[in-house]
Amino acid sequence: MGMKWKKEMDGKLLEVQVSGRLAHEDCARFAPEFDQAVKEHGLVNVLCDMVDFQGLTPGALWDDIKLDLKHHGDVKKMAVVGDKQWEKWMTMCCRPFTAAQVRYYDHSQMDEARNWVETS
């Protein structure tokens, strides 16, 4: 479990799949890759697919907040795809920590989420 990710659109789109309970170690592996993508491309878009996501450990939550603050203006769009009401609520709560346009989609709307996040 944890985080899987890949770069698309020449690195300007980061697709992240999160599952299970994220721990500090998951965030520690992801942060340098995210930093590098921003360094190479400036603004990036993020598609976050939550599959059987069970939340974050306290350490991972702190890592996530620090990453969001560090890259406050580096994400143009972020589409979050999930299937639980609390994931939708969590998505809304992250808005103050980023300048990105943030939208939540249900898994049945994955194509719509991908289309939105891929357009400039």
PDB file of N, CA and C in Angstrom:
ATOM      1  N   MET A   1       0.843  -1.178   0.000  1.00  0.00           N
ATOM      2  CA  MET A   1       0.000   0.000   0.000  1.00  0.00           C
ATOM      3  C   MET A   1       0.889   1.241   0.000  1.00  0.00           C
ATOM      4  N   GLY A   2       0.281   2.374  -0.092  1.00  0.00           N
ATOM      5  CA  GLY A   2       1.031   3.620  -0.066  1.00  0.00           C
ATOM      6  C   GLY A   2       0.773   4.446  -1.298  1.00  0.00           C
ATOM      7  N   MET A   3       1.848   4.853  -1.952  1.00  0.00           N
ATOM      8  CA  MET A   3       1.769   5.779  -3.068  1.00  0.00           C
ATOM      9  C   MET A   3       2.444   5.204  -4.299  1.00  0.00           C
ATOM     10  N   LYS A   4       1.775   5.317  -5.425  1.00  0.00           N
ATOM     11  CA  LYS A   4       2.367   5.009  -6.726  1.00  0.00           C
ATOM     12  C   LYS A   4       2.174   6.260  -7.553  1.00  0.00           C
ATOM     13  N   TRP A   5       3.125   6.591  -8.368  1.00  0.00           N
ATOM     14  CA  TRP A   5       2.946   7.780  -9.190  1.00  0.00           C
ATOM     15  C   TRP A   5       3.670   7.625 -10.511  1.00  0.00           C
ATOM     16  N   LYS A   6       3.232   8.444 -11.463  1.00  0.00           N
ATOM     17  CA  LYS A   6       3.891   8.484 -12.759  1.00  0.00           C
ATOM     18  C   LYS A   6       3.727   9.881 -13.334  1.00  0.00           C
ATOM     19  N   LYS A   7       4.664  10.238 -14.193  1.00  0.00           N
ATOM     20  CA  LYS A   7       4.608  11.532 -14.872  1.00  0.00           C
ATOM     21  C   LYS A   7       3.985  11.322 -16.240  1.00  0.00           C
ATOM     22  N   GLU A   8       3.152  12.259 -16.640  1.00  0.00           N
ATOM     23  CA  GLU A   8       2.550  12.241 -17.972  1.00  0.00           C
ATOM     24  C   GLU A   8       2.675  13.625 -18.575  1.00  0.00           C
ATOM     25  N   MET A   9       2.291  13.753 -19.829  1.00  0.00           N
ATOM     26  CA  MET A   9       2.334  15.037 -20.531  1.00  0.00           C
ATOM     27  C   MET A   9       3.719  15.677 -20.371  1.00  0.00           C
ATOM     28  N   ASP A  10       4.760  14.928 -20.667  1.00  0.00           N
ATOM     29  CA  ASP A  10       6.143  15.396 -20.547  1.00  0.00           C
ATOM     30  C   ASP A  10       6.467  15.887 -19.143  1.00  0.00           C
ATOM     31  N   GLY A  11       5.873  15.265 -18.139  1.00  0.00           N
ATOM     32  CA  GLY A  11       6.173  15.605 -16.756  1.00  0.00           C
ATOM     33  C   GLY A  11       5.334  16.708 -16.159  1.00  0.00           C
ATOM     34  N   LYS A  12       4.449  17.312 -16.950  1.00  0.00           N
ATOM     35  CA  LYS A  12       3.623  18.408 -16.442  1.00  0.00           C
ATOM     36  C   LYS A  12       2.389  17.915 -15.695  1.00  0.00           C
ATOM     37  N   LEU A  13       2.100  16.632 -15.803  1.00  0.00           N
ATOM     38  CA  LEU A  13       0.996  16.021 -15.058  1.00  0.00           C
ATOM     39  C   LEU A  13       1.573  14.915 -14.193  1.00  0.00           C
ATOM     40  N   LEU A  14       1.333  15.010 -12.908  1.00  0.00           N
ATOM     41  CA  LEU A  14       1.729  13.951 -11.994  1.00  0.00           C
ATOM     42  C   LEU A  14       0.475  13.200 -11.606  1.00  0.00           C
ATOM     43  N   GLU A  15       0.457  11.923 -11.915  1.00  0.00           N
ATOM     44  CA  GLU A  15      -0.668  11.076 -11.528  1.00  0.00           C
ATOM     45  C   GLU A  15      -0.242  10.254 -10.324  1.00  0.00           C
ATOM     46  N   VAL A  16      -0.968  10.416  -9.237  1.00  0.00           N
ATOM     47  CA  VAL A  16      -0.625   9.767  -7.980  1.00  0.00           C
ATOM     48  C   VAL A  16      -1.787   8.873  -7.567  1.00  0.00           C
ATOM     49  N   GLN A  17      -1.488   7.620  -7.259  1.00  0.00           N
ATOM     50  CA  GLN A  17      -2.502   6.724  -6.710  1.00  0.00           C
ATOM     51  C   GLN A  17      -2.135   6.470  -5.254  1.00  0.00           C
ATOM     52  N   VAL A  18      -3.054   6.773  -4.364  1.00  0.00           N
ATOM     53  CA  VAL A  18      -2.815   6.525  -2.944  1.00  0.00           C
ATOM     54  C   VAL A  18      -3.783   5.459  -2.469  1.00  0.00           C
ATOM     55  N   SER A  19      -3.260   4.549  -1.658  1.00  0.00           N
ATOM     56  CA  SER A  19      -4.104   3.489  -1.125  1.00  0.00           C
ATOM     57  C   SER A  19      -3.612   3.120   0.265  1.00  0.00           C
ATOM     58  N   GLY A  20      -4.500   2.537   1.023  1.00  0.00           N
ATOM     59  CA  GLY A  20      -4.147   2.172   2.389  1.00  0.00           C
ATOM     60  C   GLY A  20      -3.962   3.405   3.245  1.00  0.00           C
ATOM     61  N   ARG A  21      -3.134   3.276   4.243  1.00  0.00           N
ATOM     62  CA  ARG A  21      -2.840   4.376   5.166  1.00  0.00           C
ATOM     63  C   ARG A  21      -1.444   4.907   4.846  1.00  0.00           C
ATOM     64  N   LEU A  22      -1.364   6.175   4.434  1.00  0.00           N
ATOM     65  CA  LEU A  22      -0.078   6.761   4.089  1.00  0.00           C
ATOM     66  C   LEU A  22       0.737   7.036   5.334  1.00  0.00           C
ATOM     67  N   ALA A  23       2.028   6.743   5.238  1.00  0.00           N
ATOM     68  CA  ALA A  23       2.956   6.961   6.343  1.00  0.00           C
ATOM     69  C   ALA A  23       4.029   7.964   5.914  1.00  0.00           C
ATOM     70  N   HIS A  24       4.797   8.407   6.891  1.00  0.00           N
ATOM     71  CA  HIS A  24       5.888   9.354   6.639  1.00  0.00           C
ATOM     72  C   HIS A  24       6.805   8.845   5.525  1.00  0.00           C
ATOM     73  N   GLU A  25       7.105   7.564   5.519  1.00  0.00           N
ATOM     74  CA  GLU A  25       8.010   6.992   4.523  1.00  0.00           C
ATOM     75  C   GLU A  25       7.470   7.162   3.100  1.00  0.00           C
ATOM     76  N   ASP A  26       6.161   7.046   2.935  1.00  0.00           N
ATOM     77  CA  ASP A  26       5.555   7.242   1.609  1.00  0.00           C
ATOM     78  C   ASP A  26       5.782   8.675   1.134  1.00  0.00           C
ATOM     79  N   CYS A  27       5.525   9.622   2.009  1.00  0.00           N
ATOM     80  CA  CYS A  27       5.699  11.033   1.661  1.00  0.00           C
ATOM     81  C   CYS A  27       7.165  11.367   1.426  1.00  0.00           C
ATOM     82  N   ALA A  28       8.047  10.774   2.201  1.00  0.00           N
ATOM     83  CA  ALA A  28       9.486  11.023   2.057  1.00  0.00           C
ATOM     84  C   ALA A  28       9.997  10.563   0.693  1.00  0.00           C
ATOM     85  N   ARG A  29       9.421   9.500   0.145  1.00  0.00           N
ATOM     86  CA  ARG A  29       9.813   9.030  -1.192  1.00  0.00           C
ATOM     87  C   ARG A  29       9.219   9.915  -2.282  1.00  0.00           C
ATOM     88  N   PHE A  30       8.019  10.438  -2.059  1.00  0.00           N
ATOM     89  CA  PHE A  30       7.329  11.220  -3.080  1.00  0.00           C
ATOM     90  C   PHE A  30       7.841  12.655  -3.170  1.00  0.00           C
ATOM     91  N   ALA A  31       8.159  13.287  -2.051  1.00  0.00           N
ATOM     92  CA  ALA A  31       8.514  14.712  -2.023  1.00  0.00           C
ATOM     93  C   ALA A  31       9.664  15.074  -2.963  1.00  0.00           C
ATOM     94  N   PRO A  32      10.779  14.340  -2.981  1.00  0.00           N
ATOM     95  CA  PRO A  32      11.869  14.716  -3.897  1.00  0.00           C
ATOM     96  C   PRO A  32      11.468  14.626  -5.373  1.00  0.00           C
ATOM     97  N   GLU A  33      10.641  13.648  -5.697  1.00  0.00           N
ATOM     98  CA  GLU A  33      10.178  13.515  -7.083  1.00  0.00           C
ATOM     99  C   GLU A  33       9.278  14.691  -7.461  1.00  0.00           C
ATOM    100  N   PHE A  34       8.427  15.095  -6.530  1.00  0.00           N
ATOM    101  CA  PHE A  34       7.562  16.247  -6.766  1.00  0.00           C
ATOM    102  C   PHE A  34       8.407  17.507  -6.916  1.00  0.00           C
ATOM    103  N   ASP A  35       9.383  17.688  -6.022  1.00  0.00           N
ATOM    104  CA  ASP A  35      10.281  18.835  -6.102  1.00  0.00           C
ATOM    105  C   ASP A  35      10.961  18.895  -7.471  1.00  0.00           C
ATOM    106  N   GLN A  36      11.414  17.750  -7.966  1.00  0.00           N
ATOM    107  CA  GLN A  36      12.105  17.694  -9.254  1.00  0.00           C
ATOM    108  C   GLN A  36      11.169  18.054 -10.405  1.00  0.00           C
ATOM    109  N   ALA A  37       9.941  17.565 -10.367  1.00  0.00           N
ATOM    110  CA  ALA A  37       8.977  17.885 -11.425  1.00  0.00           C
ATOM    111  C   ALA A  37       8.718  19.387 -11.479  1.00  0.00           C
ATOM    112  N   VAL A  38       8.580  20.005 -10.330  1.00  0.00           N
ATOM    113  CA  VAL A  38       8.351  21.457 -10.278  1.00  0.00           C
ATOM    114  C   VAL A  38       9.586  22.195 -10.779  1.00  0.00           C
ATOM    115  N   LYS A  39      10.765  21.736 -10.398  1.00  0.00           N
ATOM    116  CA  LYS A  39      12.005  22.367 -10.837  1.00  0.00           C
ATOM    117  C   LYS A  39      12.120  22.318 -12.360  1.00  0.00           C
ATOM    118  N   GLU A  40      11.737  21.188 -12.949  1.00  0.00           N
ATOM    119  CA  GLU A  40      11.852  21.004 -14.400  1.00  0.00           C
ATOM    120  C   GLU A  40      10.771  21.736 -15.179  1.00  0.00           C
ATOM    121  N   HIS A  41       9.552  21.815 -14.634  1.00  0.00           N
ATOM    122  CA  HIS A  41       8.419  22.276 -15.436  1.00  0.00           C
ATOM    123  C   HIS A  41       7.700  23.504 -14.893  1.00  0.00           C
ATOM    124  N   GLY A  42       8.072  23.980 -13.727  1.00  0.00           N
ATOM    125  CA  GLY A  42       7.332  25.100 -13.152  1.00  0.00           C
ATOM    126  C   GLY A  42       5.981  24.599 -12.673  1.00  0.00           C
ATOM    127  N   LEU A  43       4.917  25.154 -13.199  1.00  0.00           N
ATOM    128  CA  LEU A  43       3.575  24.720 -12.810  1.00  0.00           C
ATOM    129  C   LEU A  43       3.296  23.295 -13.281  1.00  0.00           C
ATOM    130  N   VAL A  44       2.746  22.485 -12.401  1.00  0.00           N
ATOM    131  CA  VAL A  44       2.344  21.128 -12.747  1.00  0.00           C
ATOM    132  C   VAL A  44       0.877  20.946 -12.374  1.00  0.00           C
ATOM    133  N   ASN A  45       0.271  19.925 -12.958  1.00  0.00           N
ATOM    134  CA  ASN A  45      -1.074  19.509 -12.610  1.00  0.00           C
ATOM    135  C   ASN A  45      -0.984  18.151 -11.927  1.00  0.00           C
ATOM    136  N   VAL A  46      -1.931  17.871 -11.034  1.00  0.00           N
ATOM    137  CA  VAL A  46      -1.901  16.633 -10.266  1.00  0.00           C
ATOM    138  C   VAL A  46      -3.254  15.939 -10.372  1.00  0.00           C
ATOM    139  N   LEU A  47      -3.224  14.648 -10.661  1.00  0.00           N
ATOM    140  CA  LEU A  47      -4.408  13.794 -10.606  1.00  0.00           C
ATOM    141  C   LEU A  47      -4.167  12.795  -9.487  1.00  0.00           C
ATOM    142  N   CYS A  48      -4.962  12.892  -8.437  1.00  0.00           N
ATOM    143  CA  CYS A  48      -4.791  12.037  -7.257  1.00  0.00           C
ATOM    144  C   CYS A  48      -5.946  11.041  -7.203  1.00  0.00           C
ATOM    145  N   ASP A  49      -5.633   9.782  -7.375  1.00  0.00           N
ATOM    146  CA  ASP A  49      -6.630   8.713  -7.388  1.00  0.00           C
ATOM    147  C   ASP A  49      -6.561   7.957  -6.055  1.00  0.00           C
ATOM    148  N   MET A  50      -7.611   8.086  -5.253  1.00  0.00           N
ATOM    149  CA  MET A  50      -7.654   7.420  -3.954  1.00  0.00           C
ATOM    150  C   MET A  50      -8.360   6.080  -4.102  1.00  0.00           C
ATOM    151  N   VAL A  51      -7.615   5.001  -3.911  1.00  0.00           N
ATOM    152  CA  VAL A  51      -8.145   3.654  -4.043  1.00  0.00           C
ATOM    153  C   VAL A  51      -8.012   2.966  -2.690  1.00  0.00           C
ATOM    154  N   ASP A  52      -9.129   2.689  -2.052  1.00  0.00           N
ATOM    155  CA  ASP A  52      -9.115   2.088  -0.723  1.00  0.00           C
ATOM    156  C   ASP A  52      -8.227   2.891   0.222  1.00  0.00           C
ATOM    157  N   PHE A  53      -8.321   4.217   0.109  1.00  0.00           N
ATOM    158  CA  PHE A  53      -7.530   5.118   0.941  1.00  0.00           C
ATOM    159  C   PHE A  53      -8.079   5.104   2.358  1.00  0.00           C
ATOM    160  N   GLN A  54      -7.178   4.969   3.334  1.00  0.00           N
ATOM    161  CA  GLN A  54      -7.595   4.871   4.732  1.00  0.00           C
ATOM    162  C   GLN A  54      -7.048   5.994   5.594  1.00  0.00           C
ATOM    163  N   GLY A  55      -6.499   7.025   4.953  1.00  0.00           N
ATOM    164  CA  GLY A  55      -6.034   8.180   5.703  1.00  0.00           C
ATOM    165  C   GLY A  55      -4.525   8.254   5.818  1.00  0.00           C
ATOM    166  N   LEU A  56      -4.081   9.152   6.691  1.00  0.00           N
ATOM    167  CA  LEU A  56      -2.663   9.420   6.871  1.00  0.00           C
ATOM    168  C   LEU A  56      -2.283   9.249   8.332  1.00  0.00           C
ATOM    169  N   THR A  57      -1.068   8.801   8.551  1.00  0.00           N
ATOM    170  CA  THR A  57      -0.547   8.803   9.908  1.00  0.00           C
ATOM    171  C   THR A  57      -0.266  10.267  10.279  1.00  0.00           C
ATOM    172  N   PRO A  58      -0.114  10.583  11.556  1.00  0.00           N
ATOM    173  CA  PRO A  58       0.205  11.968  11.927  1.00  0.00           C
ATOM    174  C   PRO A  58       1.472  12.496  11.232  1.00  0.00           C
ATOM    175  N   GLY A  59       2.484  11.646  11.110  1.00  0.00           N
ATOM    176  CA  GLY A  59       3.707  12.072  10.425  1.00  0.00           C
ATOM    177  C   GLY A  59       3.473  12.378   8.958  1.00  0.00           C
ATOM    178  N   ALA A  60       2.663  11.570   8.291  1.00  0.00           N
ATOM    179  CA  ALA A  60       2.354  11.805   6.879  1.00  0.00           C
ATOM    180  C   ALA A  60       1.506  13.060   6.704  1.00  0.00           C
ATOM    181  N   LEU A  61       0.601  13.300   7.626  1.00  0.00           N
ATOM    182  CA  LEU A  61      -0.213  14.522   7.558  1.00  0.00           C
ATOM    183  C   LEU A  61       0.682  15.748   7.652  1.00  0.00           C
ATOM    184  N   TRP A  62       1.622  15.737   8.577  1.00  0.00           N
ATOM    185  CA  TRP A  62       2.553  16.853   8.731  1.00  0.00           C
ATOM    186  C   TRP A  62       3.409  17.014   7.468  1.00  0.00           C
ATOM    187  N   ASP A  63       3.886  15.907   6.898  1.00  0.00           N
ATOM    188  CA  ASP A  63       4.662  15.956   5.655  1.00  0.00           C
ATOM    189  C   ASP A  63       3.836  16.557   4.523  1.00  0.00           C
ATOM    190  N   ASP A  64       2.582  16.175   4.439  1.00  0.00           N
ATOM    191  CA  ASP A  64       1.694  16.679   3.392  1.00  0.00           C
ATOM    192  C   ASP A  64       1.482  18.177   3.536  1.00  0.00           C
ATOM    193  N   ILE A  65       1.257  18.637   4.738  1.00  0.00           N
ATOM    194  CA  ILE A  65       1.065  20.077   4.973  1.00  0.00           C
ATOM    195  C   ILE A  65       2.331  20.843   4.584  1.00  0.00           C
ATOM    196  N   LYS A  66       3.492  20.341   4.978  1.00  0.00           N
ATOM    197  CA  LYS A  66       4.750  21.015   4.632  1.00  0.00           C
ATOM    198  C   LYS A  66       4.952  21.069   3.119  1.00  0.00           C
ATOM    199  N   LEU A  67       4.652  19.968   2.423  1.00  0.00           N
ATOM    200  CA  LEU A  67       4.792  19.941   0.970  1.00  0.00           C
ATOM    201  C   LEU A  67       3.820  20.927   0.315  1.00  0.00           C
ATOM    202  N   ASP A  68       2.588  20.958   0.813  1.00  0.00           N
ATOM    203  CA  ASP A  68       1.593  21.892   0.267  1.00  0.00           C
ATOM    204  C   ASP A  68       2.047  23.334   0.446  1.00  0.00           C
ATOM    205  N   LEU A  69       2.566  23.676   1.603  1.00  0.00           N
ATOM    206  CA  LEU A  69       3.019  25.043   1.858  1.00  0.00           C
ATOM    207  C   LEU A  69       4.250  25.390   1.020  1.00  0.00           C
ATOM    208  N   LYS A  70       5.166  24.449   0.895  1.00  0.00           N
ATOM    209  CA  LYS A  70       6.374  24.674   0.100  1.00  0.00           C
ATOM    210  C   LYS A  70       6.021  24.938  -1.358  1.00  0.00           C
ATOM    211  N   HIS A  71       5.036  24.216  -1.861  1.00  0.00           N
ATOM    212  CA  HIS A  71       4.666  24.315  -3.276  1.00  0.00           C
ATOM    213  C   HIS A  71       3.318  25.006  -3.465  1.00  0.00           C
ATOM    214  N   HIS A  72       3.011  25.950  -2.592  1.00  0.00           N
ATOM    215  CA  HIS A  72       1.717  26.644  -2.607  1.00  0.00           C
ATOM    216  C   HIS A  72       1.321  27.129  -4.003  1.00  0.00           C
ATOM    217  N   GLY A  73       2.242  27.698  -4.748  1.00  0.00           N
ATOM    218  CA  GLY A  73       1.920  28.245  -6.063  1.00  0.00           C
ATOM    219  C   GLY A  73       2.424  27.430  -7.230  1.00  0.00           C
ATOM    220  N   ASP A  74       2.861  26.198  -6.991  1.00  0.00           N
ATOM    221  CA  ASP A  74       3.474  25.385  -8.045  1.00  0.00           C
ATOM    222  C   ASP A  74       2.520  24.401  -8.721  1.00  0.00           C
ATOM    223  N   VAL A  75       1.310  24.288  -8.222  1.00  0.00           N
ATOM    224  CA  VAL A  75       0.323  23.377  -8.814  1.00  0.00           C
ATOM    225  C   VAL A  75      -0.791  24.230  -9.408  1.00  0.00           C
ATOM    226  N   LYS A  76      -1.046  24.024 -10.690  1.00  0.00           N
ATOM    227  CA  LYS A  76      -2.095  24.788 -11.366  1.00  0.00           C
ATOM    228  C   LYS A  76      -3.465  24.160 -11.106  1.00  0.00           C
ATOM    229  N   LYS A  77      -3.563  22.857 -11.318  1.00  0.00           N
ATOM    230  CA  LYS A  77      -4.830  22.139 -11.125  1.00  0.00           C
ATOM    231  C   LYS A  77      -4.575  20.847 -10.377  1.00  0.00           C
ATOM    232  N   MET A  78      -5.517  20.502  -9.504  1.00  0.00           N
ATOM    233  CA  MET A  78      -5.447  19.224  -8.819  1.00  0.00           C
ATOM    234  C   MET A  78      -6.832  18.604  -8.829  1.00  0.00           C
ATOM    235  N   ALA A  79      -6.943  17.440  -9.443  1.00  0.00           N
ATOM    236  CA  ALA A  79      -8.179  16.670  -9.450  1.00  0.00           C
ATOM    237  C   ALA A  79      -8.007  15.507  -8.485  1.00  0.00           C
ATOM    238  N   VAL A  80      -8.916  15.395  -7.537  1.00  0.00           N
ATOM    239  CA  VAL A  80      -8.885  14.311  -6.558  1.00  0.00           C
ATOM    240  C   VAL A  80     -10.057  13.391  -6.861  1.00  0.00           C
ATOM    241  N   VAL A  81      -9.771  12.097  -7.024  1.00  0.00           N
ATOM    242  CA  VAL A  81     -10.794  11.119  -7.371  1.00  0.00           C
ATOM    243  C   VAL A  81     -10.893  10.117  -6.226  1.00  0.00           C
ATOM    244  N   GLY A  82     -12.100   9.941  -5.708  1.00  0.00           N
ATOM    245  CA  GLY A  82     -12.297   9.025  -4.596  1.00  0.00           C
ATOM    246  C   GLY A  82     -13.700   8.462  -4.585  1.00  0.00           C
ATOM    247  N   ASP A  83     -14.056   7.823  -3.469  1.00  0.00           N
ATOM    248  CA  ASP A  83     -15.392   7.233  -3.383  1.00  0.00           C
ATOM    249  C   ASP A  83     -15.997   7.345  -1.986  1.00  0.00           C
ATOM    250  N   LYS A  84     -15.416   8.203  -1.156  1.00  0.00           N
ATOM    251  CA  LYS A  84     -15.934   8.354   0.201  1.00  0.00           C
ATOM    252  C   LYS A  84     -16.237   9.817   0.484  1.00  0.00           C
ATOM    253  N   GLN A  85     -17.274  10.073   1.249  1.00  0.00           N
ATOM    254  CA  GLN A  85     -17.662  11.437   1.564  1.00  0.00           C
ATOM    255  C   GLN A  85     -16.547  12.176   2.302  1.00  0.00           C
ATOM    256  N   TRP A  86     -15.840  11.486   3.215  1.00  0.00           N
ATOM    257  CA  TRP A  86     -14.776  12.173   3.948  1.00  0.00           C
ATOM    258  C   TRP A  86     -13.620  12.542   3.039  1.00  0.00           C
ATOM    259  N   GLU A  87     -13.403  11.827   1.922  1.00  0.00           N
ATOM    260  CA  GLU A  87     -12.365  12.208   0.966  1.00  0.00           C
ATOM    261  C   GLU A  87     -12.745  13.507   0.268  1.00  0.00           C
ATOM    262  N   LYS A  88     -14.018  13.654  -0.038  1.00  0.00           N
ATOM    263  CA  LYS A  88     -14.500  14.896  -0.634  1.00  0.00           C
ATOM    264  C   LYS A  88     -14.294  16.050   0.344  1.00  0.00           C
ATOM    265  N   TRP A  89     -14.632  15.826   1.612  1.00  0.00           N
ATOM    266  CA  TRP A  89     -14.452  16.840   2.634  1.00  0.00           C
ATOM    267  C   TRP A  89     -12.969  17.190   2.786  1.00  0.00           C
ATOM    268  N   MET A  90     -12.105  16.188   2.800  1.00  0.00           N
ATOM    269  CA  MET A  90     -10.670  16.402   2.928  1.00  0.00           C
ATOM    270  C   MET A  90     -10.144  17.231   1.759  1.00  0.00           C
ATOM    271  N   THR A  91     -10.669  16.995   0.578  1.00  0.00           N
ATOM    272  CA  THR A  91     -10.267  17.759  -0.599  1.00  0.00           C
ATOM    273  C   THR A  91     -10.609  19.230  -0.414  1.00  0.00           C
ATOM    274  N   MET A  92     -11.788  19.506   0.086  1.00  0.00           N
ATOM    275  CA  MET A  92     -12.180  20.896   0.320  1.00  0.00           C
ATOM    276  C   MET A  92     -11.293  21.550   1.379  1.00  0.00           C
ATOM    277  N   CYS A  93     -10.876  20.787   2.374  1.00  0.00           N
ATOM    278  CA  CYS A  93     -10.035  21.327   3.456  1.00  0.00           C
ATOM    279  C   CYS A  93      -8.631  21.676   2.982  1.00  0.00           C
ATOM    280  N   CYS A  94      -8.167  21.069   1.895  1.00  0.00           N
ATOM    281  CA  CYS A  94      -6.807  21.348   1.434  1.00  0.00           C
ATOM    282  C   CYS A  94      -6.722  22.649   0.640  1.00  0.00           C
ATOM    283  N   ARG A  95      -7.835  23.219   0.238  1.00  0.00           N
ATOM    284  CA  ARG A  95      -7.825  24.414  -0.609  1.00  0.00           C
ATOM    285  C   ARG A  95      -7.052  25.592  -0.021  1.00  0.00           C
ATOM    286  N   PRO A  96      -7.117  25.864   1.274  1.00  0.00           N
ATOM    287  CA  PRO A  96      -6.347  27.012   1.790  1.00  0.00           C
ATOM    288  C   PRO A  96      -4.830  26.827   1.708  1.00  0.00           C
ATOM    289  N   PHE A  97      -4.368  25.602   1.512  1.00  0.00           N
ATOM    290  CA  PHE A  97      -2.937  25.324   1.497  1.00  0.00           C
ATOM    291  C   PHE A  97      -2.333  25.354   0.100  1.00  0.00           C
ATOM    292  N   THR A  98      -3.134  25.688  -0.913  1.00  0.00           N
ATOM    293  CA  THR A  98      -2.639  25.702  -2.282  1.00  0.00           C
ATOM    294  C   THR A  98      -3.323  26.798  -3.089  1.00  0.00           C
ATOM    295  N   ALA A  99      -2.601  27.301  -4.069  1.00  0.00           N
ATOM    296  CA  ALA A  99      -3.183  28.266  -4.998  1.00  0.00           C
ATOM    297  C   ALA A  99      -3.840  27.552  -6.178  1.00  0.00           C
ATOM    298  N   ALA A 100      -3.742  26.230  -6.219  1.00  0.00           N
ATOM    299  CA  ALA A 100      -4.279  25.435  -7.325  1.00  0.00           C
ATOM    300  C   ALA A 100      -5.801  25.465  -7.350  1.00  0.00           C
ATOM    301  N   GLN A 101      -6.333  25.271  -8.539  1.00  0.00           N
ATOM    302  CA  GLN A 101      -7.754  24.964  -8.672  1.00  0.00           C
ATOM    303  C   GLN A 101      -7.898  23.507  -8.247  1.00  0.00           C
ATOM    304  N   VAL A 102      -8.774  23.238  -7.301  1.00  0.00           N
ATOM    305  CA  VAL A 102      -8.926  21.890  -6.768  1.00  0.00           C
ATOM    306  C   VAL A 102     -10.363  21.433  -6.967  1.00  0.00           C
ATOM    307  N   ARG A 103     -10.520  20.241  -7.538  1.00  0.00           N
ATOM    308  CA  ARG A 103     -11.854  19.667  -7.727  1.00  0.00           C
ATOM    309  C   ARG A 103     -11.855  18.212  -7.273  1.00  0.00           C
ATOM    310  N   TYR A 104     -12.995  17.796  -6.752  1.00  0.00           N
ATOM    311  CA  TYR A 104     -13.191  16.409  -6.332  1.00  0.00           C
ATOM    312  C   TYR A 104     -14.112  15.720  -7.319  1.00  0.00           C
ATOM    313  N   TYR A 105     -13.804  14.468  -7.647  1.00  0.00           N
ATOM    314  CA  TYR A 105     -14.617  13.653  -8.541  1.00  0.00           C
ATOM    315  C   TYR A 105     -14.807  12.275  -7.924  1.00  0.00           C
ATOM    316  N   ASP A 106     -15.961  11.675  -8.171  1.00  0.00           N
ATOM    317  CA  ASP A 106     -16.175  10.271  -7.805  1.00  0.00           C
ATOM    318  C   ASP A 106     -15.458   9.396  -8.827  1.00  0.00           C
ATOM    319  N   HIS A 107     -15.155   8.142  -8.450  1.00  0.00           N
ATOM    320  CA  HIS A 107     -14.459   7.246  -9.372  1.00  0.00           C
ATOM    321  C   HIS A 107     -15.199   7.072 -10.699  1.00  0.00           C
ATOM    322  N   SER A 108     -16.513   7.161 -10.671  1.00  0.00           N
ATOM    323  CA  SER A 108     -17.273   7.038 -11.914  1.00  0.00           C
ATOM    324  C   SER A 108     -17.007   8.206 -12.863  1.00  0.00           C
ATOM    325  N   GLN A 109     -16.370   9.267 -12.366  1.00  0.00           N
ATOM    326  CA  GLN A 109     -16.079  10.451 -13.165  1.00  0.00           C
ATOM    327  C   GLN A 109     -14.584  10.571 -13.515  1.00  0.00           C
ATOM    328  N   MET A 110     -13.863   9.467 -13.480  1.00  0.00           N
ATOM    329  CA  MET A 110     -12.421   9.498 -13.722  1.00  0.00           C
ATOM    330  C   MET A 110     -12.074  10.140 -15.060  1.00  0.00           C
ATOM    331  N   ASP A 111     -12.797   9.812 -16.119  1.00  0.00           N
ATOM    332  CA  ASP A 111     -12.500  10.410 -17.425  1.00  0.00           C
ATOM    333  C   ASP A 111     -12.677  11.925 -17.386  1.00  0.00           C
ATOM    334  N   GLU A 112     -13.732  12.388 -16.749  1.00  0.00           N
ATOM    335  CA  GLU A 112     -13.983  13.829 -16.613  1.00  0.00           C
ATOM    336  C   GLU A 112     -12.852  14.490 -15.818  1.00  0.00           C
ATOM    337  N   ALA A 113     -12.423  13.860 -14.740  1.00  0.00           N
ATOM    338  CA  ALA A 113     -11.327  14.402 -13.925  1.00  0.00           C
ATOM    339  C   ALA A 113     -10.047  14.501 -14.748  1.00  0.00           C
ATOM    340  N   ARG A 114      -9.732  13.443 -15.486  1.00  0.00           N
ATOM    341  CA  ARG A 114      -8.521  13.430 -16.307  1.00  0.00           C
ATOM    342  C   ARG A 114      -8.589  14.514 -17.373  1.00  0.00           C
ATOM    343  N   ASN A 115      -9.731  14.638 -18.046  1.00  0.00           N
ATOM    344  CA  ASN A 115      -9.870  15.670 -19.083  1.00  0.00           C
ATOM    345  C   ASN A 115      -9.677  17.063 -18.497  1.00  0.00           C
ATOM    346  N   TRP A 116     -10.283  17.312 -17.327  1.00  0.00           N
ATOM    347  CA  TRP A 116     -10.166  18.632 -16.720  1.00  0.00           C
ATOM    348  C   TRP A 116      -8.727  18.957 -16.343  1.00  0.00           C
ATOM    349  N   VAL A 117      -8.047  18.019 -15.705  1.00  0.00           N
ATOM    350  CA  VAL A 117      -6.696  18.289 -15.210  1.00  0.00           C
ATOM    351  C   VAL A 117      -5.683  18.357 -16.355  1.00  0.00           C
ATOM    352  N   GLU A 118      -5.974  17.765 -17.489  1.00  0.00           N
ATOM    353  CA  GLU A 118      -5.046  17.787 -18.626  1.00  0.00           C
ATOM    354  C   GLU A 118      -5.179  19.050 -19.459  1.00  0.00           C
ATOM    355  N   THR A 119      -6.255  19.797 -19.326  1.00  0.00           N
ATOM    356  CA  THR A 119      -6.428  21.013 -20.115  1.00  0.00           C
ATOM    357  C   THR A 119      -5.782  22.188 -19.388  1.00  0.00           C
ATOM    358  N   SER A 120      -5.196  23.063 -20.169  1.00  0.00           N
ATOM    359  CA  SER A 120      -4.511  24.215 -19.571  1.00  0.00           C
ATOM    360  C   SER A 120      -5.438  25.263 -19.054  1.00  0.00           C
TER     361      SER A 120
END
